[in-house]
Amino acid sequence: MRDARPSRRFVMRRLLAGRGILVFLAFGLVLYLAVARFFGEKAHLPSIDSSSVLLLVGALGVEFAAKGAFAGMFKVAVRAGGFHLGFRDAVRAALVASGVARLIPAGGAFTPAAMAWTVRDEVPGTAGAALRTTVLTYGGLLLGTGGAILWARAAGLGLAVNAGVVTIGISGVAAGALLLSGPRWMHSITRRLPQRLRRLIGPTAVDRRVTLLEVGLLMVRLGTEAGSMLLVLSAFGIHLSPVRGFVVYGVAHLVGGLPGSPGGLGVIEAGLVGVLALFGVSPSVSLGPILVYRVIAYWIPAGAGIFAGAHTWMSQDLAETTEGEDTVGD
């Protein structure tokens, strides 16, 4: 019978297999802090009082509420495929997908694979449900951002008035509506794919209309993420209306989700500062608060995602080695 040492080696080997992600996270954080320090003299970060601290704490809580809504969307999508996924497992998948997975240089394209991998022991074959959740998220983000741009333009809320803005807004609404209708034919589309891809996507890719529950969870997720940003900006004296805030949030996060930008690092920050400048907020004023916001919105959840991912690696390896020892013992 095997002793305990092979089990520990096996666990550590699989944990070290994810060392690239851990190293990337550490390197990214160091680089992030270095850039923040470099711009520290140019970035105006006013002193904060107790009310500002409460706003920052509230922003962190709201950000994790957004992750809960994301997990709820995934849970509903898995249930639509005829399976049951616990909410805690869905939250774990959401943390890994929105944090650790975004460190991979593929923008948001790696998100479904990370979600399905995280819960593969609990419910195998959830890539279809994860893909549905991701498509709905980007569809809602495009639709909401395009609509907010058109609203801001029509209401004269400080956005540059030109034909290009209207075109961007209409394009966002149209693309978002198209993506939101996509899950209705997901199974019909995937069954035409090669067998290997169909097997990877799994049985949770079903033809199903978007339900009111999914729309509600999507609105909660996008609203709370934008609200978290507004709370951080308010803590530093930058006050935006909800419409302006969603334009800033939506444009920056759409750009940050493009492939080649790991987690949108640097791209989202530049987008946030740039769009805020269109609303009359000087970059020297907005840069400091934006860096604080990104720590709250990305780095802290990414740390939670690292913990959730490590827990998954360890649980899977312990289960595999225990099964192997039982087989040898028999």
Protein backbone atom coordinates (compact mmCIF):
# COMPACT_ATOMS: atom_id res chain seq x y z
CA MET A 1 0.00 0.00 0.00
CA ARG A 2 1.25 3.51 -0.79
CA ASP A 3 2.29 5.86 1.96
CA ALA A 4 1.25 9.52 2.24
CA ARG A 5 4.31 10.97 0.51
CA PRO A 6 3.27 10.23 -3.09
CA SER A 7 -0.01 11.97 -2.41
CA ARG A 8 1.72 15.13 -1.24
CA ARG A 9 4.07 15.10 -4.23
CA PHE A 10 1.17 14.65 -6.60
CA VAL A 11 -0.72 17.53 -5.03
CA MET A 12 2.28 19.85 -5.16
CA ARG A 13 3.03 18.90 -8.76
CA ARG A 14 -0.45 19.92 -9.86
CA LEU A 15 -0.31 23.07 -7.76
CA LEU A 16 2.99 23.99 -9.39
CA ALA A 17 1.42 23.34 -12.77
CA GLY A 18 -0.51 26.51 -12.12
CA ARG A 19 2.59 28.43 -11.08
CA GLY A 20 2.52 30.37 -14.35
CA ILE A 21 -0.74 31.98 -13.30
CA LEU A 22 0.57 32.70 -9.82
CA VAL A 23 3.79 34.20 -11.17
CA PHE A 24 1.83 36.22 -13.71
CA LEU A 25 -0.43 37.56 -10.95
CA ALA A 26 2.54 38.50 -8.75
CA PHE A 27 4.39 40.12 -11.65
CA GLY A 28 1.27 41.98 -12.72
CA LEU A 29 0.66 43.30 -9.22
CA VAL A 30 4.28 44.47 -8.84
CA LEU A 31 4.14 46.14 -12.24
CA TYR A 32 0.80 47.68 -11.38
CA LEU A 33 2.14 49.14 -8.13
CA ALA A 34 5.26 50.40 -9.92
CA VAL A 35 3.16 52.21 -12.51
CA ALA A 36 0.94 53.59 -9.77
CA ARG A 37 3.99 54.92 -7.95
CA PHE A 38 5.43 56.37 -11.17
CA PHE A 39 2.24 58.29 -11.80
CA GLY A 40 1.76 59.01 -8.13
CA GLU A 41 3.13 62.53 -8.36
CA LYS A 42 0.92 63.36 -11.34
CA ALA A 43 -2.17 61.63 -10.02
CA HIS A 44 -4.18 63.76 -7.66
CA LEU A 45 -5.43 61.54 -4.83
CA PRO A 46 -7.13 63.66 -2.18
CA SER A 47 -7.11 62.68 1.46
CA ILE A 48 -10.05 60.56 2.52
CA ASP A 49 -12.19 60.73 5.63
CA SER A 50 -14.33 58.16 7.39
CA SER A 51 -17.23 58.57 4.95
CA SER A 52 -14.87 57.94 2.03
CA VAL A 53 -13.62 54.77 3.70
CA LEU A 54 -17.20 53.59 4.09
CA LEU A 55 -17.79 54.23 0.39
CA LEU A 56 -14.70 52.19 -0.51
CA VAL A 57 -15.79 49.32 1.74
CA GLY A 58 -19.24 49.52 0.19
CA ALA A 59 -17.70 49.40 -3.28
CA LEU A 60 -15.87 46.19 -2.37
CA GLY A 61 -19.08 44.64 -1.07
CA VAL A 62 -20.97 45.67 -4.19
CA GLU A 63 -18.21 44.19 -6.36
CA PHE A 64 -18.56 40.81 -4.68
CA ALA A 65 -22.34 41.07 -5.06
CA ALA A 66 -21.70 41.37 -8.79
CA LYS A 67 -19.70 38.15 -8.66
CA GLY A 68 -22.66 36.53 -6.90
CA ALA A 69 -24.97 37.61 -9.72
CA PHE A 70 -22.48 36.20 -12.24
CA ALA A 71 -22.52 32.92 -10.33
CA GLY A 72 -26.32 32.96 -10.33
CA MET A 73 -26.35 33.28 -14.12
CA PHE A 74 -24.04 30.28 -14.42
CA LYS A 75 -26.16 28.23 -12.02
CA VAL A 76 -29.33 28.99 -14.01
CA ALA A 77 -27.61 28.05 -17.28
CA VAL A 78 -26.43 24.72 -15.82
CA ARG A 79 -29.94 24.00 -14.56
CA ALA A 80 -31.34 24.70 -18.04
CA GLY A 81 -29.11 21.88 -19.31
CA GLY A 82 -30.73 19.46 -16.87
CA PHE A 83 -28.06 19.49 -14.14
CA HIS A 84 -27.78 20.94 -10.64
CA LEU A 85 -24.87 23.09 -9.46
CA GLY A 86 -24.63 24.39 -5.92
CA PHE A 87 -24.41 28.14 -5.46
CA ARG A 88 -21.09 27.93 -3.61
CA ASP A 89 -19.56 26.01 -6.50
CA ALA A 90 -20.99 28.55 -8.95
CA VAL A 91 -19.42 31.38 -6.92
CA ARG A 92 -16.09 29.57 -6.99
CA ALA A 93 -16.32 29.28 -10.78
CA ALA A 94 -17.26 32.96 -11.10
CA LEU A 95 -14.27 34.06 -9.00
CA VAL A 96 -11.82 31.96 -11.00
CA ALA A 97 -13.30 33.09 -14.32
CA SER A 98 -13.47 36.81 -13.54
CA GLY A 99 -10.14 36.92 -11.73
CA VAL A 100 -7.52 34.28 -12.44
CA ALA A 101 -8.74 33.38 -15.93
CA ARG A 102 -8.52 36.99 -17.09
CA LEU A 103 -4.76 36.83 -16.50
CA ILE A 104 -4.51 34.57 -19.54
CA PRO A 105 -3.65 36.66 -22.65
CA ALA A 106 -7.00 35.94 -24.32
CA GLY A 107 -9.25 38.67 -22.95
CA GLY A 108 -12.65 37.26 -22.04
CA ALA A 109 -12.33 34.30 -24.42
CA PHE A 110 -10.88 32.03 -21.71
CA THR A 111 -13.73 32.71 -19.26
CA PRO A 112 -16.06 29.81 -20.24
CA ALA A 113 -13.25 27.24 -20.15
CA ALA A 114 -12.16 28.41 -16.70
CA MET A 115 -15.70 28.23 -15.31
CA ALA A 116 -16.28 24.72 -16.65
CA TRP A 117 -12.87 23.52 -15.42
CA THR A 118 -13.47 24.82 -11.90
CA VAL A 119 -16.63 22.73 -11.39
CA ARG A 120 -15.75 19.76 -13.58
CA ASP A 121 -15.81 17.38 -10.59
CA GLU A 122 -19.20 18.61 -9.38
CA VAL A 123 -20.92 18.78 -12.79
CA PRO A 124 -18.90 17.59 -15.81
CA GLY A 125 -19.56 19.17 -19.18
CA THR A 126 -20.68 22.68 -18.17
CA ALA A 127 -18.75 24.53 -20.88
CA GLY A 128 -21.99 25.12 -22.79
CA ALA A 129 -23.59 26.77 -19.77
CA ALA A 130 -20.45 28.84 -19.16
CA LEU A 131 -20.43 29.91 -22.81
CA ARG A 132 -24.08 30.94 -22.54
CA THR A 133 -23.31 32.98 -19.42
CA THR A 134 -20.37 34.73 -21.09
CA VAL A 135 -22.32 35.48 -24.28
CA LEU A 136 -25.18 36.96 -22.26
CA THR A 137 -22.74 39.09 -20.26
CA TYR A 138 -21.11 40.61 -23.33
CA GLY A 139 -24.48 41.00 -25.02
CA GLY A 140 -25.84 42.89 -22.03
CA LEU A 141 -22.69 45.00 -21.78
CA LEU A 142 -22.89 45.96 -25.46
CA LEU A 143 -26.62 46.70 -25.30
CA GLY A 144 -26.37 48.66 -22.06
CA THR A 145 -23.32 50.65 -23.14
CA GLY A 146 -24.78 51.47 -26.54
CA GLY A 147 -28.06 52.55 -24.96
CA ALA A 148 -26.28 54.66 -22.34
CA ILE A 149 -24.20 56.37 -25.05
CA LEU A 150 -27.35 57.26 -27.00
CA TRP A 151 -29.05 58.49 -23.82
CA ALA A 152 -26.07 60.60 -22.83
CA ARG A 153 -25.87 62.07 -26.31
CA ALA A 154 -29.60 62.85 -26.48
CA ALA A 155 -29.69 64.35 -22.99
CA GLY A 156 -26.56 66.44 -23.56
CA LEU A 157 -24.73 64.91 -20.62
CA GLY A 158 -21.31 66.12 -21.73
CA LEU A 159 -20.48 63.46 -24.30
CA ALA A 160 -19.08 64.79 -27.56
CA VAL A 161 -21.95 65.45 -29.97
CA ASN A 162 -21.16 64.04 -33.40
CA ALA A 163 -22.39 61.42 -35.81
CA GLY A 164 -19.70 58.98 -34.72
CA VAL A 165 -21.09 58.79 -31.20
CA VAL A 166 -24.56 57.96 -32.52
CA THR A 167 -23.12 55.28 -34.82
CA ILE A 168 -21.20 53.70 -31.95
CA GLY A 169 -24.29 53.70 -29.75
CA ILE A 170 -26.53 52.15 -32.40
CA SER A 171 -23.88 49.55 -33.25
CA GLY A 172 -23.55 48.60 -29.60
CA VAL A 173 -27.30 48.18 -29.19
CA ALA A 174 -27.56 46.09 -32.37
CA ALA A 175 -24.59 43.86 -31.50
CA GLY A 176 -25.85 43.41 -27.95
CA ALA A 177 -29.33 42.43 -29.10
CA LEU A 178 -27.80 39.92 -31.52
CA LEU A 179 -25.68 38.31 -28.81
CA LEU A 180 -28.60 38.16 -26.38
CA SER A 181 -30.60 36.22 -28.95
CA GLY A 182 -27.73 33.83 -29.67
CA PRO A 183 -28.31 31.35 -26.80
CA ARG A 184 -31.72 30.56 -28.26
CA TRP A 185 -29.97 28.57 -31.00
CA MET A 186 -26.89 27.42 -29.09
CA HIS A 187 -27.56 23.69 -29.42
CA SER A 188 -28.55 24.06 -33.06
CA ILE A 189 -25.24 25.78 -33.73
CA THR A 190 -23.00 23.48 -31.68
CA ARG A 191 -24.40 20.26 -33.17
CA ARG A 192 -22.94 21.34 -36.51
CA LEU A 193 -19.46 21.57 -35.02
CA PRO A 194 -16.89 18.74 -35.16
CA GLN A 195 -17.45 15.98 -32.64
CA ARG A 196 -14.41 16.95 -30.58
CA LEU A 197 -15.70 20.50 -30.08
CA ARG A 198 -19.20 19.22 -29.28
CA ARG A 199 -17.71 16.98 -26.62
CA LEU A 200 -15.76 19.89 -25.13
CA ILE A 201 -18.83 22.14 -25.00
CA GLY A 202 -20.82 19.40 -23.32
CA PRO A 203 -24.53 18.70 -22.89
CA THR A 204 -25.42 22.04 -21.27
CA ALA A 205 -25.50 23.85 -24.62
CA VAL A 206 -29.26 23.89 -25.17
CA ASP A 207 -31.66 25.86 -27.34
CA ARG A 208 -33.43 28.09 -24.84
CA ARG A 209 -34.72 31.63 -24.79
CA VAL A 210 -33.23 34.09 -22.35
CA THR A 211 -35.42 34.03 -19.25
CA LEU A 212 -36.51 36.95 -17.09
CA LEU A 213 -34.40 35.53 -14.24
CA GLU A 214 -31.29 35.62 -16.42
CA VAL A 215 -32.09 39.16 -17.54
CA GLY A 216 -32.55 40.20 -13.92
CA LEU A 217 -29.26 38.65 -12.81
CA LEU A 218 -27.50 40.22 -15.78
CA MET A 219 -28.87 43.65 -14.88
CA VAL A 220 -27.79 43.16 -11.26
CA ARG A 221 -24.30 42.14 -12.31
CA LEU A 222 -23.71 45.02 -14.71
CA GLY A 223 -25.43 47.53 -12.43
CA THR A 224 -23.44 46.55 -9.36
CA GLU A 225 -20.12 46.56 -11.22
CA ALA A 226 -20.81 50.04 -12.57
CA GLY A 227 -22.09 51.06 -9.13
CA SER A 228 -18.86 49.90 -7.51
CA MET A 229 -16.92 52.23 -9.80
CA LEU A 230 -19.26 55.13 -9.02
CA LEU A 231 -18.82 54.57 -5.28
CA VAL A 232 -15.03 54.65 -5.56
CA LEU A 233 -15.10 57.80 -7.67
CA SER A 234 -17.53 59.42 -5.22
CA ALA A 235 -15.16 58.60 -2.36
CA PHE A 236 -12.60 60.86 -4.06
CA GLY A 237 -15.01 63.64 -4.97
CA ILE A 238 -15.77 62.64 -8.58
CA HIS A 239 -19.53 62.51 -8.99
CA LEU A 240 -21.18 61.09 -12.10
CA SER A 241 -24.79 60.36 -12.97
CA PRO A 242 -25.70 56.67 -13.42
CA VAL A 243 -25.91 57.11 -17.21
CA ARG A 244 -22.49 58.74 -17.45
CA GLY A 245 -21.08 56.16 -15.10
CA PHE A 246 -22.33 53.27 -17.21
CA VAL A 247 -20.87 54.82 -20.36
CA VAL A 248 -17.48 55.08 -18.65
CA TYR A 249 -17.68 51.57 -17.23
CA GLY A 250 -19.07 49.92 -20.36
CA VAL A 251 -16.69 51.40 -22.94
CA ALA A 252 -13.59 50.68 -20.85
CA HIS A 253 -14.57 47.09 -20.04
CA LEU A 254 -15.54 46.28 -23.61
CA VAL A 255 -12.11 47.43 -24.78
CA GLY A 256 -10.42 45.60 -21.90
CA GLY A 257 -12.12 42.34 -22.87
CA LEU A 258 -10.42 42.18 -26.26
CA PRO A 259 -8.05 39.23 -26.84
CA GLY A 260 -4.42 40.04 -26.11
CA SER A 261 -5.17 42.10 -23.01
CA PRO A 262 -4.74 39.88 -19.93
CA GLY A 263 -7.52 40.97 -17.65
CA GLY A 264 -7.63 44.31 -19.41
CA LEU A 265 -4.64 45.40 -17.31
CA GLY A 266 -3.65 48.88 -18.38
CA VAL A 267 -6.25 48.91 -21.15
CA ILE A 268 -9.24 49.29 -18.84
CA GLU A 269 -7.44 51.95 -16.81
CA ALA A 270 -6.63 53.93 -19.94
CA GLY A 271 -10.20 53.54 -21.15
CA LEU A 272 -11.65 54.72 -17.86
CA VAL A 273 -9.39 57.77 -17.73
CA GLY A 274 -10.03 58.56 -21.40
CA VAL A 275 -13.82 58.36 -21.23
CA LEU A 276 -13.86 60.36 -18.00
CA ALA A 277 -11.90 63.04 -19.85
CA LEU A 278 -14.77 63.26 -22.36
CA PHE A 279 -17.01 64.15 -19.44
CA GLY A 280 -14.65 66.88 -18.30
CA VAL A 281 -12.70 65.02 -15.60
CA SER A 282 -8.99 65.73 -15.94
CA PRO A 283 -6.71 62.66 -16.14
CA SER A 284 -4.60 64.08 -13.31
CA VAL A 285 -7.72 64.01 -11.14
CA SER A 286 -9.14 60.66 -12.24
CA LEU A 287 -5.99 58.51 -12.46
CA GLY A 288 -5.49 58.01 -8.73
CA PRO A 289 -9.12 57.05 -7.99
CA ILE A 290 -9.16 54.75 -11.03
CA LEU A 291 -6.11 52.86 -9.74
CA VAL A 292 -7.83 52.43 -6.38
CA TYR A 293 -10.97 51.24 -8.15
CA ARG A 294 -9.05 48.62 -10.10
CA VAL A 295 -7.51 47.26 -6.91
CA ILE A 296 -11.02 46.86 -5.49
CA ALA A 297 -12.63 45.60 -8.70
CA TYR A 298 -9.84 43.36 -9.99
CA TRP A 299 -6.94 42.60 -7.68
CA ILE A 300 -8.90 41.70 -4.54
CA PRO A 301 -11.36 39.43 -6.43
CA ALA A 302 -8.38 37.98 -8.34
CA GLY A 303 -6.82 37.03 -5.00
CA ALA A 304 -10.06 35.32 -4.02
CA GLY A 305 -10.00 33.58 -7.40
CA ILE A 306 -6.45 32.33 -6.77
CA PHE A 307 -7.63 30.85 -3.47
CA ALA A 308 -10.65 29.25 -5.14
CA GLY A 309 -8.51 27.86 -7.95
CA ALA A 310 -5.91 26.45 -5.55
CA HIS A 311 -8.70 24.82 -3.55
CA THR A 312 -9.97 23.19 -6.76
CA TRP A 313 -6.50 21.90 -7.70
CA MET A 314 -5.93 20.43 -4.25
CA SER A 315 -9.39 18.86 -4.03
CA GLN A 316 -9.07 17.21 -7.43
CA ASP A 317 -5.57 15.86 -6.77
CA LEU A 318 -6.46 14.53 -3.33
CA ALA A 319 -9.49 12.77 -4.81
CA GLU A 320 -7.38 11.24 -7.60
CA THR A 321 -4.62 10.04 -5.30
CA THR A 322 -7.10 8.66 -2.75
CA GLU A 323 -8.85 6.73 -5.50
CA GLY A 324 -5.51 5.40 -6.71
CA GLU A 325 -4.52 4.26 -3.21
CA ASP A 326 -7.88 2.54 -2.73
CA THR A 327 -7.38 0.70 -6.01
CA VAL A 328 -3.90 -0.47 -5.00
CA GLY A 329 -5.17 -1.49 -1.59
CA ASP A 330 -7.89 -3.63 -3.15
